[in-house]
Structures are given as C-alpha cells and as structure tokens.
Amino acid sequence: MVKIRLTRVGRKKAPYYRLVVADSRRKRDGKFIEIIGRYQPLNKDEEQQIVCDGERALYWLHSGAQPTDTARALLRRKGIMKQFHEQKVEKKKEAKAAAS
C-alpha cells in the first residue's frame, strides 16, 4: 500500500520533515517514491511551516495513497483534504448523472 507520510531529515533538537509518498513496507526514513512537501514545526511563520505541492498531493490521493494521521492533519491545514473531498463528490455526481 502506498502512504503519504513524514520522514525526518532535521538535525538533533531541530526537527524538519519531508512529506513523501512511500510504500508502507519501507522504513520511515527509507526509500520513497516522491517528495510532495515539507513541514518545519519550529518555524514561527505559519505560511512557511507547511509547504506542499497541492496538485501532486491530490494526484496521489486520487491514485489511492493513504495519508497517515499526521500527514492528513497537515493536508487538512493546507485545505488539500477539502479539495480532495469536493472533487470526489463532484465525480460521484457526474457518474450518477451519466448513468441516468
């Protein structure tokens, strides 16, 4: 299963995380498929704390990637999970209209 999760790359006492798409069987900091963002929890600027490529995140979510709880919370803060839900509902409506 493909997951959207965090990998730690920061130094000691200064965490810095990458938001990556990886196989769930890989190690936390192991091989990944793609980097889609970053998270700096110590950064005071809210805008720079989470940086994410929304298009790629939506692509992976539509492809079936499952975000971990922390990754889901970060994507929710950026509004990506809301976009994903809206697109899913819209597709469902279109499919229902086409079937009628």
C-alpha atoms as a PDB file:
ATOM      1  CA  MET A   1       0.000   0.000   0.000  1.00  0.00           C
ATOM      2  CA  VAL A   2       1.205   3.490  -0.839  1.00  0.00           C
ATOM      3  CA  LYS A   3       1.204   6.004   2.013  1.00  0.00           C
ATOM      4  CA  ILE A   4       1.662   9.747   2.324  1.00  0.00           C
ATOM      5  CA  ARG A   5       3.790  10.237   5.427  1.00  0.00           C
ATOM      6  CA  LEU A   6       6.568  12.222   7.071  1.00  0.00           C
ATOM      7  CA  THR A   7      10.271  11.400   7.055  1.00  0.00           C
ATOM      8  CA  ARG A   8      12.617  13.175   9.435  1.00  0.00           C
ATOM      9  CA  VAL A   9      15.624  14.921   7.937  1.00  0.00           C
ATOM     10  CA  GLY A  10      16.359  17.602  10.543  1.00  0.00           C
ATOM     11  CA  ARG A  11      19.269  17.604  12.927  1.00  0.00           C
ATOM     12  CA  LYS A  12      19.110  16.841  16.637  1.00  0.00           C
ATOM     13  CA  LYS A  13      16.707  19.127  18.545  1.00  0.00           C
ATOM     14  CA  ALA A  14      15.722  20.831  15.261  1.00  0.00           C
ATOM     15  CA  PRO A  15      13.133  18.647  13.524  1.00  0.00           C
ATOM     16  CA  TYR A  16      12.479  19.130   9.823  1.00  0.00           C
ATOM     17  CA  TYR A  17      10.239  16.727   7.951  1.00  0.00           C
ATOM     18  CA  ARG A  18       9.577  15.894   4.330  1.00  0.00           C
ATOM     19  CA  LEU A  19       6.072  14.956   3.243  1.00  0.00           C
ATOM     20  CA  VAL A  20       6.679  11.958   0.993  1.00  0.00           C
ATOM     21  CA  VAL A  21       4.820   9.260  -0.878  1.00  0.00           C
ATOM     22  CA  ALA A  22       6.280   5.865   0.020  1.00  0.00           C
ATOM     23  CA  ASP A  23       5.497   2.172   0.159  1.00  0.00           C
ATOM     24  CA  SER A  24       4.158   1.357   3.620  1.00  0.00           C
ATOM     25  CA  ARG A  25       6.621  -1.533   3.983  1.00  0.00           C
ATOM     26  CA  ARG A  26       9.650   0.772   3.756  1.00  0.00           C
ATOM     27  CA  LYS A  27      11.448   2.267   6.762  1.00  0.00           C
ATOM     28  CA  ARG A  28      10.369   5.700   7.988  1.00  0.00           C
ATOM     29  CA  ASP A  29      13.461   7.386   6.562  1.00  0.00           C
ATOM     30  CA  GLY A  30      13.980   4.841   3.797  1.00  0.00           C
ATOM     31  CA  LYS A  31      13.372   4.893   0.076  1.00  0.00           C
ATOM     32  CA  PHE A  32      10.390   6.934  -1.113  1.00  0.00           C
ATOM     33  CA  ILE A  33       8.575   7.480  -4.398  1.00  0.00           C
ATOM     34  CA  GLU A  34       8.220  11.266  -4.405  1.00  0.00           C
ATOM     35  CA  ILE A  35       8.634  14.312  -2.160  1.00  0.00           C
ATOM     36  CA  ILE A  36       5.438  16.386  -2.185  1.00  0.00           C
ATOM     37  CA  GLY A  37       6.182  18.887   0.571  1.00  0.00           C
ATOM     38  CA  ARG A  38       7.918  19.780   3.807  1.00  0.00           C
ATOM     39  CA  TYR A  39       6.988  20.564   7.398  1.00  0.00           C
ATOM     40  CA  GLN A  40       9.035  22.736   9.791  1.00  0.00           C
ATOM     41  CA  PRO A  41       7.343  22.630  13.217  1.00  0.00           C
ATOM     42  CA  LEU A  42       9.759  25.158  14.777  1.00  0.00           C
ATOM     43  CA  ASN A  43       9.189  27.819  12.123  1.00  0.00           C
ATOM     44  CA  LYS A  44       7.162  30.695  13.640  1.00  0.00           C
ATOM     45  CA  ASP A  45       5.737  31.802  10.283  1.00  0.00           C
ATOM     46  CA  GLU A  46       2.539  29.780   9.719  1.00  0.00           C
ATOM     47  CA  GLU A  47       2.808  30.213   5.940  1.00  0.00           C
ATOM     48  CA  GLN A  48       6.314  28.717   5.815  1.00  0.00           C
ATOM     49  CA  GLN A  49       5.663  25.994   8.395  1.00  0.00           C
ATOM     50  CA  ILE A  50       3.928  23.703   5.881  1.00  0.00           C
ATOM     51  CA  VAL A  51       4.805  23.817   2.186  1.00  0.00           C
ATOM     52  CA  CYS A  52       3.061  21.300  -0.044  1.00  0.00           C
ATOM     53  CA  ASP A  53       2.561  20.726  -3.771  1.00  0.00           C
ATOM     54  CA  GLY A  54      -1.226  20.515  -3.804  1.00  0.00           C
ATOM     55  CA  GLU A  55      -1.501  19.131  -7.340  1.00  0.00           C
ATOM     56  CA  ARG A  56       0.780  16.194  -6.622  1.00  0.00           C
ATOM     57  CA  ALA A  57      -0.883  15.508  -3.277  1.00  0.00           C
ATOM     58  CA  LEU A  58      -4.295  15.400  -4.960  1.00  0.00           C
ATOM     59  CA  TYR A  59      -2.903  13.146  -7.700  1.00  0.00           C
ATOM     60  CA  TRP A  60      -1.626  10.640  -5.142  1.00  0.00           C
ATOM     61  CA  LEU A  61      -4.830  10.795  -3.089  1.00  0.00           C
ATOM     62  CA  HIS A  62      -6.895  10.079  -6.213  1.00  0.00           C
ATOM     63  CA  SER A  63      -4.489   7.251  -7.038  1.00  0.00           C
ATOM     64  CA  GLY A  64      -5.312   5.584  -3.723  1.00  0.00           C
ATOM     65  CA  ALA A  65      -2.466   6.720  -1.450  1.00  0.00           C
ATOM     66  CA  GLN A  66      -3.490   6.715   2.213  1.00  0.00           C
ATOM     67  CA  PRO A  67      -2.196   9.582   4.376  1.00  0.00           C
ATOM     68  CA  THR A  68      -1.058   8.823   7.918  1.00  0.00           C
ATOM     69  CA  ASP A  69      -2.889  10.642  10.720  1.00  0.00           C
ATOM     70  CA  THR A  70      -0.221  13.359  10.974  1.00  0.00           C
ATOM     71  CA  ALA A  71       0.036  13.793   7.203  1.00  0.00           C
ATOM     72  CA  ARG A  72      -3.771  14.010   6.975  1.00  0.00           C
ATOM     73  CA  ALA A  73      -3.799  16.763   9.623  1.00  0.00           C
ATOM     74  CA  LEU A  74      -1.152  18.729   7.705  1.00  0.00           C
ATOM     75  CA  LEU A  75      -3.008  18.303   4.402  1.00  0.00           C
ATOM     76  CA  ARG A  76      -6.204  19.403   6.131  1.00  0.00           C
ATOM     77  CA  ARG A  77      -4.479  22.574   7.402  1.00  0.00           C
ATOM     78  CA  LYS A  78      -3.457  23.408   3.822  1.00  0.00           C
ATOM     79  CA  GLY A  79      -7.002  22.729   2.514  1.00  0.00           C
ATOM     80  CA  ILE A  80      -5.973  19.823   0.313  1.00  0.00           C
ATOM     81  CA  MET A  81      -8.198  17.246   2.007  1.00  0.00           C
ATOM     82  CA  LYS A  82     -11.208  19.537   1.481  1.00  0.00           C
ATOM     83  CA  GLN A  83     -10.363  19.853  -2.227  1.00  0.00           C
ATOM     84  CA  PHE A  84      -9.991  16.079  -2.457  1.00  0.00           C
ATOM     85  CA  HIS A  85     -13.389  15.517  -0.856  1.00  0.00           C
ATOM     86  CA  GLU A  86     -15.083  18.101  -3.104  1.00  0.00           C
ATOM     87  CA  GLN A  87     -13.577  16.562  -6.246  1.00  0.00           C
ATOM     88  CA  LYS A  88     -14.665  13.108  -5.125  1.00  0.00           C
ATOM     89  CA  VAL A  89     -18.249  14.260  -4.519  1.00  0.00           C
ATOM     90  CA  GLU A  90     -18.283  16.058  -7.885  1.00  0.00           C
ATOM     91  CA  LYS A  91     -17.106  12.922  -9.719  1.00  0.00           C
ATOM     92  CA  LYS A  92     -19.789  10.893  -7.980  1.00  0.00           C
ATOM     93  CA  LYS A  93     -22.477  13.374  -9.084  1.00  0.00           C
ATOM     94  CA  GLU A  94     -21.203  13.290 -12.670  1.00  0.00           C
ATOM     95  CA  ALA A  95     -21.222   9.495 -12.714  1.00  0.00           C
ATOM     96  CA  LYS A  96     -24.754   9.452 -11.304  1.00  0.00           C
ATOM     97  CA  ALA A  97     -25.948  11.973 -13.927  1.00  0.00           C
ATOM     98  CA  ALA A  98     -24.316   9.994 -16.739  1.00  0.00           C
ATOM     99  CA  ALA A  99     -25.959   6.765 -15.567  1.00  0.00           C
ATOM    100  CA  SER A 100     -29.433   8.366 -15.590  1.00  0.00           C
END
